[in-house]
């Protein structure tokens, strides 16, 4: 994570992705048990976060921002970092290293109108 406001680019993405860092809680939709995680980048329609728990693609989760870590975020990033969101898990990859178990998760926000 960098506080240098670096834009994350990926030609497969429709929206700009921004580095951001925030502690979150996530839960399976309509469940009471929450898990800790950390968002590492976001876009207008999705987010990437890391968690010690594997999440199956296709499930709906609730994401709630608990604490913003990046203090020097540009205004566009604030527009895409949702404080509470329902999201569809698109993928989950084991990113464990150095004896620490964690998973990288890509989730797409639902548009609620």
PDB file of N, CA and C in Angstrom:
ATOM      1  N   UNK A   1       0.821  -1.168   0.000  1.00  0.00           N
ATOM      2  CA  UNK A   1       0.000   0.000   0.000  1.00  0.00           C
ATOM      3  C   UNK A   1       0.867   1.235   0.000  1.00  0.00           C
ATOM      4  N   UNK A   2       0.497   2.155  -0.814  1.00  0.00           N
ATOM      5  CA  UNK A   2       1.253   3.395  -0.847  1.00  0.00           C
ATOM      6  C   UNK A   2       0.308   4.552  -0.621  1.00  0.00           C
ATOM      7  N   UNK A   3       0.828   5.566   0.003  1.00  0.00           N
ATOM      8  CA  UNK A   3       0.036   6.776   0.226  1.00  0.00           C
ATOM      9  C   UNK A   3       0.297   7.786  -0.876  1.00  0.00           C
ATOM     10  N   UNK A   4       0.927   7.364  -1.960  1.00  0.00           N
ATOM     11  CA  UNK A   4       1.278   8.289  -3.027  1.00  0.00           C
ATOM     12  C   UNK A   4       0.173   8.446  -4.064  1.00  0.00           C
ATOM     13  N   UNK A   5      -1.012   7.958  -3.753  1.00  0.00           N
ATOM     14  CA  UNK A   5      -2.175   8.133  -4.611  1.00  0.00           C
ATOM     15  C   UNK A   5      -1.971   7.511  -5.974  1.00  0.00           C
ATOM     16  N   UNK A   6      -1.239   6.420  -6.048  1.00  0.00           N
ATOM     17  CA  UNK A   6      -0.949   5.785  -7.330  1.00  0.00           C
ATOM     18  C   UNK A   6      -2.215   5.190  -7.919  1.00  0.00           C
ATOM     19  N   UNK A   7      -2.395   5.390  -9.197  1.00  0.00           N
ATOM     20  CA  UNK A   7      -3.505   4.823  -9.922  1.00  0.00           C
ATOM     21  C   UNK A   7      -3.126   3.405 -10.333  1.00  0.00           C
ATOM     22  N   UNK A   8      -3.977   2.455 -10.025  1.00  0.00           N
ATOM     23  CA  UNK A   8      -3.744   1.073 -10.418  1.00  0.00           C
ATOM     24  C   UNK A   8      -4.359   0.897 -11.795  1.00  0.00           C
ATOM     25  N   UNK A   9      -3.564   0.456 -12.770  1.00  0.00           N
ATOM     26  CA  UNK A   9      -4.085   0.309 -14.114  1.00  0.00           C
ATOM     27  C   UNK A   9      -4.125  -1.148 -14.514  1.00  0.00           C
ATOM     28  N   UNK A  10      -5.157  -1.505 -15.228  1.00  0.00           N
ATOM     29  CA  UNK A  10      -5.340  -2.847 -15.733  1.00  0.00           C
ATOM     30  C   UNK A  10      -6.227  -2.716 -16.952  1.00  0.00           C
ATOM     31  N   UNK A  11      -5.768  -3.162 -18.099  1.00  0.00           N
ATOM     32  CA  UNK A  11      -6.507  -2.961 -19.337  1.00  0.00           C
ATOM     33  C   UNK A  11      -7.809  -3.748 -19.379  1.00  0.00           C
ATOM     34  N   UNK A  12      -8.003  -4.715 -18.516  1.00  0.00           N
ATOM     35  CA  UNK A  12      -9.251  -5.475 -18.485  1.00  0.00           C
ATOM     36  C   UNK A  12     -10.339  -4.760 -17.697  1.00  0.00           C
ATOM     37  N   UNK A  13     -10.024  -3.722 -17.016  1.00  0.00           N
ATOM     38  CA  UNK A  13     -10.980  -3.035 -16.150  1.00  0.00           C
ATOM     39  C   UNK A  13     -11.655  -1.892 -16.897  1.00  0.00           C
ATOM     40  N   UNK A  14     -12.942  -1.714 -16.590  1.00  0.00           N
ATOM     41  CA  UNK A  14     -13.706  -0.627 -17.197  1.00  0.00           C
ATOM     42  C   UNK A  14     -13.503   0.677 -16.418  1.00  0.00           C
ATOM     43  N   UNK A  15     -13.272   0.588 -15.118  1.00  0.00           N
ATOM     44  CA  UNK A  15     -13.144   1.757 -14.272  1.00  0.00           C
ATOM     45  C   UNK A  15     -11.717   1.898 -13.765  1.00  0.00           C
ATOM     46  N   UNK A  16     -11.335   3.120 -13.436  1.00  0.00           N
ATOM     47  CA  UNK A  16     -10.031   3.359 -12.818  1.00  0.00           C
ATOM     48  C   UNK A  16     -10.025   2.735 -11.432  1.00  0.00           C
ATOM     49  N   UNK A  17      -8.904   2.151 -11.068  1.00  0.00           N
ATOM     50  CA  UNK A  17      -8.733   1.592  -9.721  1.00  0.00           C
ATOM     51  C   UNK A  17      -7.708   2.454  -8.992  1.00  0.00           C
ATOM     52  N   UNK A  18      -7.967   2.680  -7.724  1.00  0.00           N
ATOM     53  CA  UNK A  18      -7.096   3.523  -6.917  1.00  0.00           C
ATOM     54  C   UNK A  18      -6.582   2.749  -5.716  1.00  0.00           C
ATOM     55  N   UNK A  19      -5.313   2.979  -5.388  1.00  0.00           N
ATOM     56  CA  UNK A  19      -4.786   2.443  -4.133  1.00  0.00           C
ATOM     57  C   UNK A  19      -5.525   3.125  -2.998  1.00  0.00           C
ATOM     58  N   UNK A  20      -5.944   2.359  -2.047  1.00  0.00           N
ATOM     59  CA  UNK A  20      -6.525   2.903  -0.828  1.00  0.00           C
ATOM     60  C   UNK A  20      -6.311   1.855   0.253  1.00  0.00           C
ATOM     61  N   UNK A  21      -6.425   2.247   1.465  1.00  0.00           N
ATOM     62  CA  UNK A  21      -6.186   1.314   2.552  1.00  0.00           C
ATOM     63  C   UNK A  21      -7.190   1.602   3.651  1.00  0.00           C
ATOM     64  N   UNK A  22      -8.002   0.597   3.964  1.00  0.00           N
ATOM     65  CA  UNK A  22      -9.012   0.754   4.996  1.00  0.00           C
ATOM     66  C   UNK A  22      -9.277  -0.595   5.657  1.00  0.00           C
ATOM     67  N   UNK A  23      -9.446  -0.571   6.957  1.00  0.00           N
ATOM     68  CA  UNK A  23      -9.848  -1.779   7.669  1.00  0.00           C
ATOM     69  C   UNK A  23     -11.359  -1.921   7.507  1.00  0.00           C
ATOM     70  N   UNK A  24     -11.772  -3.151   7.241  1.00  0.00           N
ATOM     71  CA  UNK A  24     -13.190  -3.414   7.040  1.00  0.00           C
ATOM     72  C   UNK A  24     -13.626  -4.620   7.854  1.00  0.00           C
ATOM     73  N   UNK A  25     -14.928  -4.764   7.951  1.00  0.00           N
ATOM     74  CA  UNK A  25     -15.566  -5.982   8.437  1.00  0.00           C
ATOM     75  C   UNK A  25     -16.426  -6.466   7.274  1.00  0.00           C
ATOM     76  N   UNK A  26     -16.441  -7.764   7.034  1.00  0.00           N
ATOM     77  CA  UNK A  26     -17.320  -8.304   6.019  1.00  0.00           C
ATOM     78  C   UNK A  26     -18.087  -9.482   6.607  1.00  0.00           C
ATOM     79  N   UNK A  27     -19.245  -9.729   6.045  1.00  0.00           N
ATOM     80  CA  UNK A  27     -20.058 -10.868   6.467  1.00  0.00           C
ATOM     81  C   UNK A  27     -20.801 -11.405   5.254  1.00  0.00           C
ATOM     82  N   UNK A  28     -21.195 -12.662   5.353  1.00  0.00           N
ATOM     83  CA  UNK A  28     -22.080 -13.196   4.332  1.00  0.00           C
ATOM     84  C   UNK A  28     -23.412 -12.483   4.487  1.00  0.00           C
ATOM     85  N   UNK A  29     -24.057 -12.170   3.372  1.00  0.00           N
ATOM     86  CA  UNK A  29     -25.318 -11.433   3.397  1.00  0.00           C
ATOM     87  C   UNK A  29     -26.331 -12.146   4.290  1.00  0.00           C
ATOM     88  N   UNK A  30     -26.966 -11.381   5.155  1.00  0.00           N
ATOM     89  CA  UNK A  30     -27.980 -11.862   6.102  1.00  0.00           C
ATOM     90  C   UNK A  30     -27.418 -12.791   7.176  1.00  0.00           C
ATOM     91  N   UNK A  31     -26.142 -12.670   7.483  1.00  0.00           N
ATOM     92  CA  UNK A  31     -25.529 -13.438   8.569  1.00  0.00           C
ATOM     93  C   UNK A  31     -24.995 -12.465   9.607  1.00  0.00           C
ATOM     94  N   UNK A  32     -24.887 -12.915  10.854  1.00  0.00           N
ATOM     95  CA  UNK A  32     -24.455 -12.048  11.952  1.00  0.00           C
ATOM     96  C   UNK A  32     -22.964 -12.099  12.254  1.00  0.00           C
ATOM     97  N   UNK A  33     -22.237 -13.027  11.682  1.00  0.00           N
ATOM     98  CA  UNK A  33     -20.816 -13.158  11.988  1.00  0.00           C
ATOM     99  C   UNK A  33     -19.987 -12.317  11.017  1.00  0.00           C
ATOM    100  N   UNK A  34     -19.147 -11.425  11.583  1.00  0.00           N
ATOM    101  CA  UNK A  34     -18.298 -10.541  10.782  1.00  0.00           C
ATOM    102  C   UNK A  34     -16.843 -10.982  10.858  1.00  0.00           C
ATOM    103  N   UNK A  35     -16.102 -10.723   9.777  1.00  0.00           N
ATOM    104  CA  UNK A  35     -14.690 -11.081   9.672  1.00  0.00           C
ATOM    105  C   UNK A  35     -13.879  -9.823   9.365  1.00  0.00           C
ATOM    106  N   UNK A  36     -12.658  -9.757   9.898  1.00  0.00           N
ATOM    107  CA  UNK A  36     -11.763  -8.634   9.630  1.00  0.00           C
ATOM    108  C   UNK A  36     -11.102  -8.788   8.272  1.00  0.00           C
ATOM    109  N   UNK A  37     -10.806  -7.655   7.643  1.00  0.00           N
ATOM    110  CA  UNK A  37     -10.109  -7.643   6.360  1.00  0.00           C
ATOM    111  C   UNK A  37      -9.559  -6.244   6.127  1.00  0.00           C
ATOM    112  N   UNK A  38      -8.836  -6.090   5.018  1.00  0.00           N
ATOM    113  CA  UNK A  38      -8.294  -4.778   4.678  1.00  0.00           C
ATOM    114  C   UNK A  38      -8.434  -4.551   3.182  1.00  0.00           C
ATOM    115  N   UNK A  39      -9.081  -3.436   2.811  1.00  0.00           N
ATOM    116  CA  UNK A  39      -9.183  -3.038   1.406  1.00  0.00           C
ATOM    117  C   UNK A  39      -7.837  -2.476   0.986  1.00  0.00           C
ATOM    118  N   UNK A  40      -7.393  -2.864  -0.217  1.00  0.00           N
ATOM    119  CA  UNK A  40      -6.119  -2.368  -0.740  1.00  0.00           C
ATOM    120  C   UNK A  40      -6.285  -1.510  -1.990  1.00  0.00           C
ATOM    121  N   UNK A  41      -7.379  -1.712  -2.740  1.00  0.00           N
ATOM    122  CA  UNK A  41      -7.681  -0.807  -3.843  1.00  0.00           C
ATOM    123  C   UNK A  41      -9.166  -0.878  -4.149  1.00  0.00           C
ATOM    124  N   UNK A  42      -9.641   0.171  -4.837  1.00  0.00           N
ATOM    125  CA  UNK A  42     -11.067   0.244  -5.127  1.00  0.00           C
ATOM    126  C   UNK A  42     -11.299   0.953  -6.451  1.00  0.00           C
ATOM    127  N   UNK A  43     -12.485   0.769  -6.977  1.00  0.00           N
ATOM    128  CA  UNK A  43     -12.951   1.492  -8.157  1.00  0.00           C
ATOM    129  C   UNK A  43     -14.393   1.889  -7.888  1.00  0.00           C
ATOM    130  N   UNK A  44     -15.003   2.531  -8.840  1.00  0.00           N
ATOM    131  CA  UNK A  44     -16.398   2.937  -8.681  1.00  0.00           C
ATOM    132  C   UNK A  44     -17.312   1.724  -8.485  1.00  0.00           C
ATOM    133  N   UNK A  45     -16.953   0.581  -9.092  1.00  0.00           N
ATOM    134  CA  UNK A  45     -17.842  -0.577  -9.056  1.00  0.00           C
ATOM    135  C   UNK A  45     -17.305  -1.788  -8.318  1.00  0.00           C
ATOM    136  N   UNK A  46     -16.125  -1.696  -7.736  1.00  0.00           N
ATOM    137  CA  UNK A  46     -15.597  -2.874  -7.064  1.00  0.00           C
ATOM    138  C   UNK A  46     -14.474  -2.556  -6.108  1.00  0.00           C
ATOM    139  N   UNK A  47     -14.000  -3.620  -5.467  1.00  0.00           N
ATOM    140  CA  UNK A  47     -12.937  -3.466  -4.480  1.00  0.00           C
ATOM    141  C   UNK A  47     -12.093  -4.731  -4.424  1.00  0.00           C
ATOM    142  N   UNK A  48     -10.847  -4.559  -4.006  1.00  0.00           N
ATOM    143  CA  UNK A  48      -9.960  -5.681  -3.734  1.00  0.00           C
ATOM    144  C   UNK A  48      -9.601  -5.603  -2.262  1.00  0.00           C
ATOM    145  N   UNK A  49      -9.770  -6.737  -1.552  1.00  0.00           N
ATOM    146  CA  UNK A  49      -9.391  -6.764  -0.149  1.00  0.00           C
ATOM    147  C   UNK A  49      -8.731  -8.081   0.193  1.00  0.00           C
ATOM    148  N   UNK A  50      -8.045  -8.089   1.329  1.00  0.00           N
ATOM    149  CA  UNK A  50      -7.380  -9.289   1.817  1.00  0.00           C
ATOM    150  C   UNK A  50      -7.962  -9.664   3.164  1.00  0.00           C
ATOM    151  N   UNK A  51      -8.169 -10.970   3.340  1.00  0.00           N
ATOM    152  CA  UNK A  51      -8.783 -11.504   4.547  1.00  0.00           C
ATOM    153  C   UNK A  51      -8.172 -12.863   4.864  1.00  0.00           C
ATOM    154  N   UNK A  52      -8.144 -13.258   6.122  1.00  0.00           N
ATOM    155  CA  UNK A  52      -7.625 -14.586   6.464  1.00  0.00           C
ATOM    156  C   UNK A  52      -8.594 -15.719   6.120  1.00  0.00           C
ATOM    157  N   UNK A  53      -9.788 -15.380   5.620  1.00  0.00           N
ATOM    158  CA  UNK A  53     -10.821 -16.382   5.362  1.00  0.00           C
ATOM    159  C   UNK A  53     -11.109 -16.528   3.871  1.00  0.00           C
ATOM    160  N   UNK A  54     -11.164 -17.753   3.403  1.00  0.00           N
ATOM    161  CA  UNK A  54     -11.516 -18.008   2.004  1.00  0.00           C
ATOM    162  C   UNK A  54     -12.999 -17.717   1.796  1.00  0.00           C
ATOM    163  N   UNK A  55     -13.323 -17.084   0.665  1.00  0.00           N
ATOM    164  CA  UNK A  55     -14.708 -16.775   0.312  1.00  0.00           C
ATOM    165  C   UNK A  55     -14.967 -17.385  -1.070  1.00  0.00           C
ATOM    166  N   UNK A  56     -16.015 -18.132  -1.199  1.00  0.00           N
ATOM    167  CA  UNK A  56     -16.348 -18.761  -2.480  1.00  0.00           C
ATOM    168  C   UNK A  56     -16.877 -17.719  -3.458  1.00  0.00           C
ATOM    169  N   UNK A  57     -16.382 -17.718  -4.697  1.00  0.00           N
ATOM    170  CA  UNK A  57     -16.923 -16.814  -5.715  1.00  0.00           C
ATOM    171  C   UNK A  57     -18.418 -17.053  -5.910  1.00  0.00           C
ATOM    172  N   UNK A  58     -19.135 -15.963  -6.164  1.00  0.00           N
ATOM    173  CA  UNK A  58     -20.566 -16.039  -6.403  1.00  0.00           C
ATOM    174  C   UNK A  58     -21.421 -15.717  -5.196  1.00  0.00           C
ATOM    175  N   UNK A  59     -20.829 -15.666  -4.004  1.00  0.00           N
ATOM    176  CA  UNK A  59     -21.625 -15.347  -2.814  1.00  0.00           C
ATOM    177  C   UNK A  59     -21.763 -13.831  -2.672  1.00  0.00           C
ATOM    178  N   UNK A  60     -22.812 -13.432  -2.000  1.00  0.00           N
ATOM    179  CA  UNK A  60     -23.056 -12.017  -1.714  1.00  0.00           C
ATOM    180  C   UNK A  60     -22.566 -11.726  -0.307  1.00  0.00           C
ATOM    181  N   UNK A  61     -21.805 -10.641  -0.195  1.00  0.00           N
ATOM    182  CA  UNK A  61     -21.279 -10.246   1.111  1.00  0.00           C
ATOM    183  C   UNK A  61     -21.643  -8.794   1.401  1.00  0.00           C
ATOM    184  N   UNK A  62     -21.639  -8.464   2.691  1.00  0.00           N
ATOM    185  CA  UNK A  62     -21.806  -7.097   3.152  1.00  0.00           C
ATOM    186  C   UNK A  62     -20.434  -6.610   3.597  1.00  0.00           C
ATOM    187  N   UNK A  63     -20.018  -5.446   3.096  1.00  0.00           N
ATOM    188  CA  UNK A  63     -18.725  -4.852   3.450  1.00  0.00           C
ATOM    189  C   UNK A  63     -18.996  -3.555   4.198  1.00  0.00           C
ATOM    190  N   UNK A  64     -18.324  -3.381   5.342  1.00  0.00           N
ATOM    191  CA  UNK A  64     -18.479  -2.158   6.141  1.00  0.00           C
ATOM    192  C   UNK A  64     -17.094  -1.617   6.493  1.00  0.00           C
ATOM    193  N   UNK A  65     -16.799  -0.389   6.079  1.00  0.00           N
ATOM    194  CA  UNK A  65     -15.522   0.247   6.405  1.00  0.00           C
ATOM    195  C   UNK A  65     -15.518   0.599   7.881  1.00  0.00           C
ATOM    196  N   UNK A  66     -14.467   0.165   8.575  1.00  0.00           N
ATOM    197  CA  UNK A  66     -14.326   0.427  10.001  1.00  0.00           C
ATOM    198  C   UNK A  66     -13.374   1.583  10.276  1.00  0.00           C
ATOM    199  N   UNK A  67     -12.257   1.630   9.514  1.00  0.00           N
ATOM    200  CA  UNK A  67     -11.224   2.616   9.799  1.00  0.00           C
ATOM    201  C   UNK A  67     -10.428   2.879   8.529  1.00  0.00           C
ATOM    202  N   UNK A  68     -10.429   4.128   8.099  1.00  0.00           N
ATOM    203  CA  UNK A  68      -9.649   4.530   6.940  1.00  0.00           C
ATOM    204  C   UNK A  68      -8.193   4.685   7.353  1.00  0.00           C
ATOM    205  N   UNK A  69      -7.303   3.936   6.693  1.00  0.00           N
ATOM    206  CA  UNK A  69      -5.880   3.990   7.037  1.00  0.00           C
ATOM    207  C   UNK A  69      -5.169   5.052   6.206  1.00  0.00           C
ATOM    208  N   UNK A  70      -5.461   5.104   4.896  1.00  0.00           N
ATOM    209  CA  UNK A  70      -4.847   6.102   4.015  1.00  0.00           C
ATOM    210  C   UNK A  70      -5.453   7.458   4.318  1.00  0.00           C
ATOM    211  N   UNK A  71      -4.632   8.373   4.776  1.00  0.00           N
ATOM    212  CA  UNK A  71      -5.130   9.706   5.127  1.00  0.00           C
ATOM    213  C   UNK A  71      -4.996  10.694   3.977  1.00  0.00           C
ATOM    214  N   UNK A  72      -4.172  10.388   2.990  1.00  0.00           N
ATOM    215  CA  UNK A  72      -3.896  11.336   1.911  1.00  0.00           C
ATOM    216  C   UNK A  72      -4.514  10.893   0.591  1.00  0.00           C
ATOM    217  N   UNK A  73      -5.744  10.412   0.633  1.00  0.00           N
ATOM    218  CA  UNK A  73      -6.397   9.946  -0.578  1.00  0.00           C
ATOM    219  C   UNK A  73      -6.936  11.132  -1.370  1.00  0.00           C
ATOM    220  N   UNK A  74      -6.894  11.017  -2.709  1.00  0.00           N
ATOM    221  CA  UNK A  74      -7.452  12.074  -3.537  1.00  0.00           C
ATOM    222  C   UNK A  74      -8.970  11.946  -3.564  1.00  0.00           C
ATOM    223  N   UNK A  75      -9.660  13.004  -3.946  1.00  0.00           N
ATOM    224  CA  UNK A  75     -11.120  13.030  -3.847  1.00  0.00           C
ATOM    225  C   UNK A  75     -11.797  11.945  -4.670  1.00  0.00           C
ATOM    226  N   UNK A  76     -11.271  11.587  -5.841  1.00  0.00           N
ATOM    227  CA  UNK A  76     -11.883  10.527  -6.645  1.00  0.00           C
ATOM    228  C   UNK A  76     -11.929   9.214  -5.885  1.00  0.00           C
ATOM    229  N   UNK A  77     -10.919   8.949  -5.067  1.00  0.00           N
ATOM    230  CA  UNK A  77     -10.885   7.718  -4.294  1.00  0.00           C
ATOM    231  C   UNK A  77     -11.999   7.690  -3.268  1.00  0.00           C
ATOM    232  N   UNK A  78     -12.298   8.845  -2.667  1.00  0.00           N
ATOM    233  CA  UNK A  78     -13.383   8.902  -1.697  1.00  0.00           C
ATOM    234  C   UNK A  78     -14.714   8.581  -2.372  1.00  0.00           C
ATOM    235  N   UNK A  79     -14.848   8.926  -3.652  1.00  0.00           N
ATOM    236  CA  UNK A  79     -16.075   8.632  -4.360  1.00  0.00           C
ATOM    237  C   UNK A  79     -16.262   7.133  -4.579  1.00  0.00           C
ATOM    238  N   UNK A  80     -15.178   6.376  -4.677  1.00  0.00           N
ATOM    239  CA  UNK A  80     -15.323   4.951  -4.956  1.00  0.00           C
ATOM    240  C   UNK A  80     -15.206   4.085  -3.709  1.00  0.00           C
ATOM    241  N   UNK A  81     -14.718   4.605  -2.608  1.00  0.00           N
ATOM    242  CA  UNK A  81     -14.629   3.822  -1.377  1.00  0.00           C
ATOM    243  C   UNK A  81     -15.957   3.946  -0.643  1.00  0.00           C
ATOM    244  N   UNK A  82     -16.766   2.913  -0.732  1.00  0.00           N
ATOM    245  CA  UNK A  82     -18.090   2.926  -0.107  1.00  0.00           C
ATOM    246  C   UNK A  82     -17.980   2.521   1.352  1.00  0.00           C
ATOM    247  N   UNK A  83     -18.663   3.214   2.225  1.00  0.00           N
ATOM    248  CA  UNK A  83     -18.578   2.893   3.647  1.00  0.00           C
ATOM    249  C   UNK A  83     -19.363   1.632   3.993  1.00  0.00           C
ATOM    250  N   UNK A  84     -20.457   1.386   3.283  1.00  0.00           N
ATOM    251  CA  UNK A  84     -21.231   0.156   3.428  1.00  0.00           C
ATOM    252  C   UNK A  84     -21.663  -0.268   2.036  1.00  0.00           C
ATOM    253  N   UNK A  85     -21.502  -1.556   1.743  1.00  0.00           N
ATOM    254  CA  UNK A  85     -21.831  -2.023   0.403  1.00  0.00           C
ATOM    255  C   UNK A  85     -22.194  -3.496   0.398  1.00  0.00           C
ATOM    256  N   UNK A  86     -23.128  -3.857  -0.475  1.00  0.00           N
ATOM    257  CA  UNK A  86     -23.362  -5.253  -0.809  1.00  0.00           C
ATOM    258  C   UNK A  86     -22.537  -5.543  -2.046  1.00  0.00           C
ATOM    259  N   UNK A  87     -21.885  -6.696  -2.069  1.00  0.00           N
ATOM    260  CA  UNK A  87     -21.008  -7.002  -3.195  1.00  0.00           C
ATOM    261  C   UNK A  87     -21.093  -8.483  -3.545  1.00  0.00           C
ATOM    262  N   UNK A  88     -20.813  -8.778  -4.795  1.00  0.00           N
ATOM    263  CA  UNK A  88     -20.746 -10.135  -5.318  1.00  0.00           C
ATOM    264  C   UNK A  88     -19.269 -10.511  -5.413  1.00  0.00           C
ATOM    265  N   UNK A  89     -18.875 -11.595  -4.765  1.00  0.00           N
ATOM    266  CA  UNK A  89     -17.475 -12.033  -4.824  1.00  0.00           C
ATOM    267  C   UNK A  89     -17.225 -12.635  -6.205  1.00  0.00           C
ATOM    268  N   UNK A  90     -16.294 -12.044  -6.947  1.00  0.00           N
ATOM    269  CA  UNK A  90     -15.967 -12.496  -8.300  1.00  0.00           C
ATOM    270  C   UNK A  90     -14.854 -13.533  -8.293  1.00  0.00           C
ATOM    271  N   UNK A  91     -13.881 -13.365  -7.397  1.00  0.00           N
ATOM    272  CA  UNK A  91     -12.780 -14.320  -7.301  1.00  0.00           C
ATOM    273  C   UNK A  91     -12.142 -14.239  -5.930  1.00  0.00           C
ATOM    274  N   UNK A  92     -11.457 -15.314  -5.574  1.00  0.00           N
ATOM    275  CA  UNK A  92     -10.746 -15.393  -4.302  1.00  0.00           C
ATOM    276  C   UNK A  92      -9.508 -16.248  -4.537  1.00  0.00           C
ATOM    277  N   UNK A  93      -8.337 -15.689  -4.223  1.00  0.00           N
ATOM    278  CA  UNK A  93      -7.071 -16.388  -4.459  1.00  0.00           C
ATOM    279  C   UNK A  93      -6.284 -16.509  -3.167  1.00  0.00           C
ATOM    280  N   UNK A  94      -5.704 -17.675  -2.987  1.00  0.00           N
ATOM    281  CA  UNK A  94      -4.833 -17.888  -1.826  1.00  0.00           C
ATOM    282  C   UNK A  94      -3.556 -17.086  -2.051  1.00  0.00           C
ATOM    283  N   UNK A  95      -3.289 -16.142  -1.187  1.00  0.00           N
ATOM    284  CA  UNK A  95      -2.106 -15.280  -1.295  1.00  0.00           C
ATOM    285  C   UNK A  95      -1.203 -15.435  -0.084  1.00  0.00           C
ATOM    286  N   UNK A  96      -1.277 -16.593   0.560  1.00  0.00           N
ATOM    287  CA  UNK A  96      -0.493 -16.845   1.763  1.00  0.00           C
ATOM    288  C   UNK A  96       0.996 -16.786   1.462  1.00  0.00           C
ATOM    289  N   UNK A  97       1.737 -16.237   2.428  1.00  0.00           N
ATOM    290  CA  UNK A  97       3.196 -16.202   2.309  1.00  0.00           C
ATOM    291  C   UNK A  97       3.809 -16.032   3.692  1.00  0.00           C
ATOM    292  N   UNK A  98       5.029 -16.472   3.832  1.00  0.00           N
ATOM    293  CA  UNK A  98       5.783 -16.347   5.083  1.00  0.00           C
ATOM    294  C   UNK A  98       5.013 -16.885   6.293  1.00  0.00           C
ATOM    295  N   UNK A  99       4.263 -17.957   6.098  1.00  0.00           N
ATOM    296  CA  UNK A  99       3.529 -18.564   7.190  1.00  0.00           C
ATOM    297  C   UNK A  99       2.241 -17.853   7.567  1.00  0.00           C
ATOM    298  N   UNK A 100       1.928 -16.754   6.883  1.00  0.00           N
ATOM    299  CA  UNK A 100       0.682 -16.026   7.144  1.00  0.00           C
ATOM    300  C   UNK A 100      -0.357 -16.417   6.109  1.00  0.00           C
ATOM    301  N   UNK A 101      -1.492 -16.883   6.569  1.00  0.00           N
ATOM    302  CA  UNK A 101      -2.558 -17.324   5.676  1.00  0.00           C
ATOM    303  C   UNK A 101      -3.518 -16.166   5.404  1.00  0.00           C
ATOM    304  N   UNK A 102      -3.688 -15.835   4.126  1.00  0.00           N
ATOM    305  CA  UNK A 102      -4.685 -14.848   3.760  1.00  0.00           C
ATOM    306  C   UNK A 102      -5.088 -15.042   2.309  1.00  0.00           C
ATOM    307  N   UNK A 103      -6.225 -14.467   1.964  1.00  0.00           N
ATOM    308  CA  UNK A 103      -6.787 -14.595   0.628  1.00  0.00           C
ATOM    309  C   UNK A 103      -7.033 -13.213   0.046  1.00  0.00           C
ATOM    310  N   UNK A 104      -6.718 -13.051  -1.242  1.00  0.00           N
ATOM    311  CA  UNK A 104      -7.048 -11.839  -1.974  1.00  0.00           C
ATOM    312  C   UNK A 104      -8.405 -12.028  -2.615  1.00  0.00           C
ATOM    313  N   UNK A 105      -9.288 -11.032  -2.464  1.00  0.00           N
ATOM    314  CA  UNK A 105     -10.666 -11.149  -2.924  1.00  0.00           C
ATOM    315  C   UNK A 105     -11.023  -9.971  -3.819  1.00  0.00           C
ATOM    316  N   UNK A 106     -11.621 -10.273  -4.967  1.00  0.00           N
ATOM    317  CA  UNK A 106     -12.165  -9.253  -5.850  1.00  0.00           C
ATOM    318  C   UNK A 106     -13.675  -9.282  -5.755  1.00  0.00           C
ATOM    319  N   UNK A 107     -14.278  -8.151  -5.440  1.00  0.00           N
ATOM    320  CA  UNK A 107     -15.732  -8.094  -5.276  1.00  0.00           C
ATOM    321  C   UNK A 107     -16.300  -6.928  -6.073  1.00  0.00           C
ATOM    322  N   UNK A 108     -17.451  -7.157  -6.681  1.00  0.00           N
ATOM    323  CA  UNK A 108     -18.135  -6.117  -7.450  1.00  0.00           C
ATOM    324  C   UNK A 108     -19.346  -5.637  -6.656  1.00  0.00           C
ATOM    325  N   UNK A 109     -19.433  -4.313  -6.471  1.00  0.00           N
ATOM    326  CA  UNK A 109     -20.538  -3.721  -5.723  1.00  0.00           C
ATOM    327  C   UNK A 109     -21.839  -3.858  -6.499  1.00  0.00           C
ATOM    328  N   UNK A 110     -22.915  -4.093  -5.770  1.00  0.00           N
ATOM    329  CA  UNK A 110     -24.248  -4.046  -6.370  1.00  0.00           C
ATOM    330  C   UNK A 110     -24.669  -2.588  -6.464  1.00  0.00           C
ATOM    331  N   UNK A 111     -25.334  -2.236  -7.536  1.00  0.00           N
ATOM    332  CA  UNK A 111     -25.912  -0.897  -7.644  1.00  0.00           C
ATOM    333  C   UNK A 111     -27.281  -0.926  -6.996  1.00  0.00           C
ATOM    334  N   UNK A 112     -27.432  -0.187  -5.922  1.00  0.00           N
ATOM    335  CA  UNK A 112     -28.701  -0.120  -5.219  1.00  0.00           C
ATOM    336  C   UNK A 112     -29.292   1.251  -5.479  1.00  0.00           C
ATOM    337  N   UNK A 113     -30.438   1.254  -6.096  1.00  0.00           N
ATOM    338  CA  UNK A 113     -31.058   2.542  -6.480  1.00  0.00           C
ATOM    339  C   UNK A 113     -32.354   2.746  -5.761  1.00  0.00           C
TER     340      UNK A 113
END
